[in-house]
Amino acid sequence: MPQLDVSGFPSQIFWLVITFVFLWWLMAKVALPKVGLVLEERQKKISDSLDMADDLRKEAASELESYEI
């Protein structure tokens, strides 16, 4: 069986290491920084929306108080 032929192991291990290092570098330098930026942007948008909702809630409560008086 060719997959158990030990004479091909060194070249297969070499290409496995090369491929793994390349994919590791690609993820670390390209993909993951983009994901990090998207997560930061989402967190900022959520925080801003929550702040705006809190301000609007306070404004609505004060309007309700002035209406009831």
N, C-alpha and C. Protein backbone atom coordinates (compact mmCIF):
# COMPACT_ATOMS: atom_id res chain seq x y z
N MET A 1 0.84 -1.18 0.00
CA MET A 1 0.00 0.00 0.00
C MET A 1 0.89 1.24 0.00
N PRO A 2 0.66 2.16 -0.93
CA PRO A 2 1.56 3.30 -1.08
C PRO A 2 1.55 4.25 0.13
N GLN A 3 0.45 4.36 0.85
CA GLN A 3 0.43 5.29 1.97
C GLN A 3 1.27 4.78 3.15
N LEU A 4 1.61 3.50 3.16
CA LEU A 4 2.44 2.95 4.22
C LEU A 4 3.90 2.79 3.80
N ASP A 5 4.25 3.25 2.62
CA ASP A 5 5.63 3.18 2.14
C ASP A 5 6.46 4.23 2.86
N VAL A 6 7.40 3.78 3.68
CA VAL A 6 8.19 4.66 4.54
C VAL A 6 9.13 5.55 3.73
N SER A 7 9.46 5.20 2.52
CA SER A 7 10.41 6.00 1.74
C SER A 7 9.84 7.37 1.38
N GLY A 8 8.52 7.52 1.38
CA GLY A 8 7.91 8.81 1.04
C GLY A 8 7.61 9.68 2.24
N PHE A 9 7.85 9.20 3.45
CA PHE A 9 7.52 9.96 4.65
C PHE A 9 8.26 11.29 4.77
N PRO A 10 9.57 11.33 4.53
CA PRO A 10 10.26 12.62 4.71
C PRO A 10 9.71 13.74 3.82
N SER A 11 9.43 13.44 2.57
CA SER A 11 8.91 14.49 1.69
C SER A 11 7.49 14.89 2.11
N GLN A 12 6.69 13.93 2.55
CA GLN A 12 5.34 14.26 3.00
C GLN A 12 5.37 15.11 4.27
N ILE A 13 6.25 14.78 5.18
CA ILE A 13 6.38 15.57 6.41
C ILE A 13 6.89 16.97 6.08
N PHE A 14 7.84 17.06 5.15
CA PHE A 14 8.36 18.37 4.74
C PHE A 14 7.22 19.25 4.21
N TRP A 15 6.42 18.72 3.29
CA TRP A 15 5.34 19.52 2.71
C TRP A 15 4.23 19.80 3.72
N LEU A 16 4.03 18.89 4.64
CA LEU A 16 3.07 19.13 5.71
C LEU A 16 3.50 20.32 6.57
N VAL A 17 4.77 20.36 6.93
CA VAL A 17 5.30 21.46 7.73
C VAL A 17 5.23 22.77 6.95
N ILE A 18 5.64 22.75 5.70
CA ILE A 18 5.59 23.96 4.87
C ILE A 18 4.16 24.48 4.76
N THR A 19 3.22 23.60 4.49
CA THR A 19 1.82 24.00 4.36
C THR A 19 1.28 24.54 5.68
N PHE A 20 1.58 23.87 6.78
CA PHE A 20 1.11 24.31 8.08
C PHE A 20 1.66 25.69 8.43
N VAL A 21 2.95 25.91 8.19
CA VAL A 21 3.57 27.21 8.48
C VAL A 21 2.95 28.30 7.61
N PHE A 22 2.73 28.01 6.35
CA PHE A 22 2.11 29.00 5.46
C PHE A 22 0.70 29.36 5.92
N LEU A 23 -0.10 28.35 6.23
CA LEU A 23 -1.47 28.62 6.68
C LEU A 23 -1.48 29.35 8.02
N TRP A 24 -0.56 29.01 8.91
CA TRP A 24 -0.45 29.70 10.20
C TRP A 24 -0.13 31.17 9.97
N TRP A 25 0.84 31.43 9.11
CA TRP A 25 1.22 32.81 8.81
C TRP A 25 0.05 33.56 8.17
N LEU A 26 -0.62 32.92 7.22
CA LEU A 26 -1.75 33.55 6.54
C LEU A 26 -2.85 33.93 7.53
N MET A 27 -3.18 33.06 8.45
CA MET A 27 -4.20 33.35 9.45
C MET A 27 -3.73 34.47 10.38
N ALA A 28 -2.48 34.43 10.81
CA ALA A 28 -1.99 35.41 11.78
C ALA A 28 -1.84 36.80 11.19
N LYS A 29 -1.47 36.90 9.93
CA LYS A 29 -1.19 38.21 9.34
C LYS A 29 -2.33 38.77 8.51
N VAL A 30 -3.23 37.94 8.03
CA VAL A 30 -4.27 38.42 7.12
C VAL A 30 -5.66 38.25 7.72
N ALA A 31 -6.04 37.03 8.01
CA ALA A 31 -7.43 36.75 8.36
C ALA A 31 -7.80 37.22 9.77
N LEU A 32 -7.02 36.85 10.76
CA LEU A 32 -7.38 37.16 12.14
C LEU A 32 -7.37 38.65 12.46
N PRO A 33 -6.44 39.45 11.93
CA PRO A 33 -6.55 40.90 12.18
C PRO A 33 -7.83 41.50 11.62
N LYS A 34 -8.28 41.02 10.47
CA LYS A 34 -9.54 41.52 9.91
C LYS A 34 -10.71 41.14 10.80
N VAL A 35 -10.71 39.94 11.32
CA VAL A 35 -11.77 39.51 12.22
C VAL A 35 -11.75 40.36 13.49
N GLY A 36 -10.56 40.65 13.99
CA GLY A 36 -10.45 41.50 15.17
C GLY A 36 -11.01 42.89 14.94
N LEU A 37 -10.74 43.46 13.78
CA LEU A 37 -11.27 44.78 13.47
C LEU A 37 -12.79 44.76 13.39
N VAL A 38 -13.34 43.73 12.80
CA VAL A 38 -14.80 43.62 12.70
C VAL A 38 -15.42 43.49 14.09
N LEU A 39 -14.80 42.70 14.96
CA LEU A 39 -15.32 42.54 16.31
C LEU A 39 -15.27 43.85 17.09
N GLU A 40 -14.17 44.60 16.94
CA GLU A 40 -14.07 45.90 17.61
C GLU A 40 -15.14 46.86 17.09
N GLU A 41 -15.35 46.87 15.79
CA GLU A 41 -16.36 47.75 15.19
C GLU A 41 -17.76 47.38 15.69
N ARG A 42 -18.05 46.10 15.75
CA ARG A 42 -19.36 45.66 16.25
C ARG A 42 -19.54 46.08 17.71
N GLN A 43 -18.50 45.89 18.52
CA GLN A 43 -18.60 46.24 19.93
C GLN A 43 -18.84 47.73 20.10
N LYS A 44 -18.17 48.55 19.29
CA LYS A 44 -18.36 49.99 19.37
C LYS A 44 -19.78 50.36 18.95
N LYS A 45 -20.29 49.73 17.89
CA LYS A 45 -21.65 50.02 17.43
C LYS A 45 -22.68 49.63 18.49
N ILE A 46 -22.48 48.48 19.12
CA ILE A 46 -23.40 48.03 20.17
C ILE A 46 -23.36 48.99 21.35
N SER A 47 -22.16 49.38 21.75
CA SER A 47 -22.01 50.31 22.87
C SER A 47 -22.67 51.65 22.57
N ASP A 48 -22.46 52.16 21.37
CA ASP A 48 -23.09 53.43 20.98
C ASP A 48 -24.61 53.31 20.96
N SER A 49 -25.11 52.20 20.47
CA SER A 49 -26.56 51.99 20.42
C SER A 49 -27.15 51.90 21.83
N LEU A 50 -26.46 51.23 22.73
CA LEU A 50 -26.94 51.14 24.11
C LEU A 50 -26.92 52.50 24.79
N ASP A 51 -25.89 53.29 24.54
CA ASP A 51 -25.83 54.64 25.10
C ASP A 51 -26.97 55.50 24.57
N MET A 52 -27.22 55.42 23.28
CA MET A 52 -28.30 56.19 22.68
C MET A 52 -29.66 55.74 23.23
N ALA A 53 -29.84 54.45 23.40
CA ALA A 53 -31.10 53.93 23.95
C ALA A 53 -31.30 54.40 25.38
N ASP A 54 -30.23 54.44 26.16
CA ASP A 54 -30.33 54.93 27.53
C ASP A 54 -30.69 56.41 27.56
N ASP A 55 -30.07 57.19 26.69
CA ASP A 55 -30.41 58.62 26.61
C ASP A 55 -31.87 58.82 26.21
N LEU A 56 -32.32 58.06 25.24
CA LEU A 56 -33.71 58.18 24.80
C LEU A 56 -34.69 57.74 25.89
N ARG A 57 -34.31 56.72 26.64
CA ARG A 57 -35.16 56.27 27.74
C ARG A 57 -35.28 57.36 28.80
N LYS A 58 -34.16 58.00 29.14
CA LYS A 58 -34.18 59.09 30.12
C LYS A 58 -35.02 60.26 29.60
N GLU A 59 -34.86 60.57 28.33
CA GLU A 59 -35.64 61.66 27.74
C GLU A 59 -37.13 61.33 27.76
N ALA A 60 -37.48 60.10 27.45
CA ALA A 60 -38.89 59.69 27.47
C ALA A 60 -39.45 59.73 28.89
N ALA A 61 -38.64 59.33 29.87
CA ALA A 61 -39.10 59.38 31.26
C ALA A 61 -39.34 60.81 31.70
N SER A 62 -38.46 61.73 31.32
CA SER A 62 -38.66 63.13 31.71
C SER A 62 -39.87 63.73 31.00
N GLU A 63 -40.09 63.36 29.75
CA GLU A 63 -41.28 63.83 29.03
C GLU A 63 -42.55 63.28 29.68
N LEU A 64 -42.51 62.04 30.11
CA LEU A 64 -43.66 61.45 30.77
C LEU A 64 -43.95 62.16 32.09
N GLU A 65 -42.90 62.48 32.84
CA GLU A 65 -43.09 63.21 34.11
C GLU A 65 -43.68 64.58 33.86
N SER A 66 -43.19 65.28 32.85
CA SER A 66 -43.72 66.62 32.57
C SER A 66 -45.16 66.55 32.06
N TYR A 67 -45.52 65.48 31.41
CA TYR A 67 -46.88 65.32 30.91
C TYR A 67 -47.85 65.02 32.06
N GLU A 68 -47.39 64.23 33.03
CA GLU A 68 -48.24 63.84 34.14
C GLU A 68 -48.46 64.97 35.14
N ILE A 69 -47.58 65.94 35.19
CA ILE A 69 -47.71 67.03 36.16
C ILE A 69 -48.69 68.05 35.74
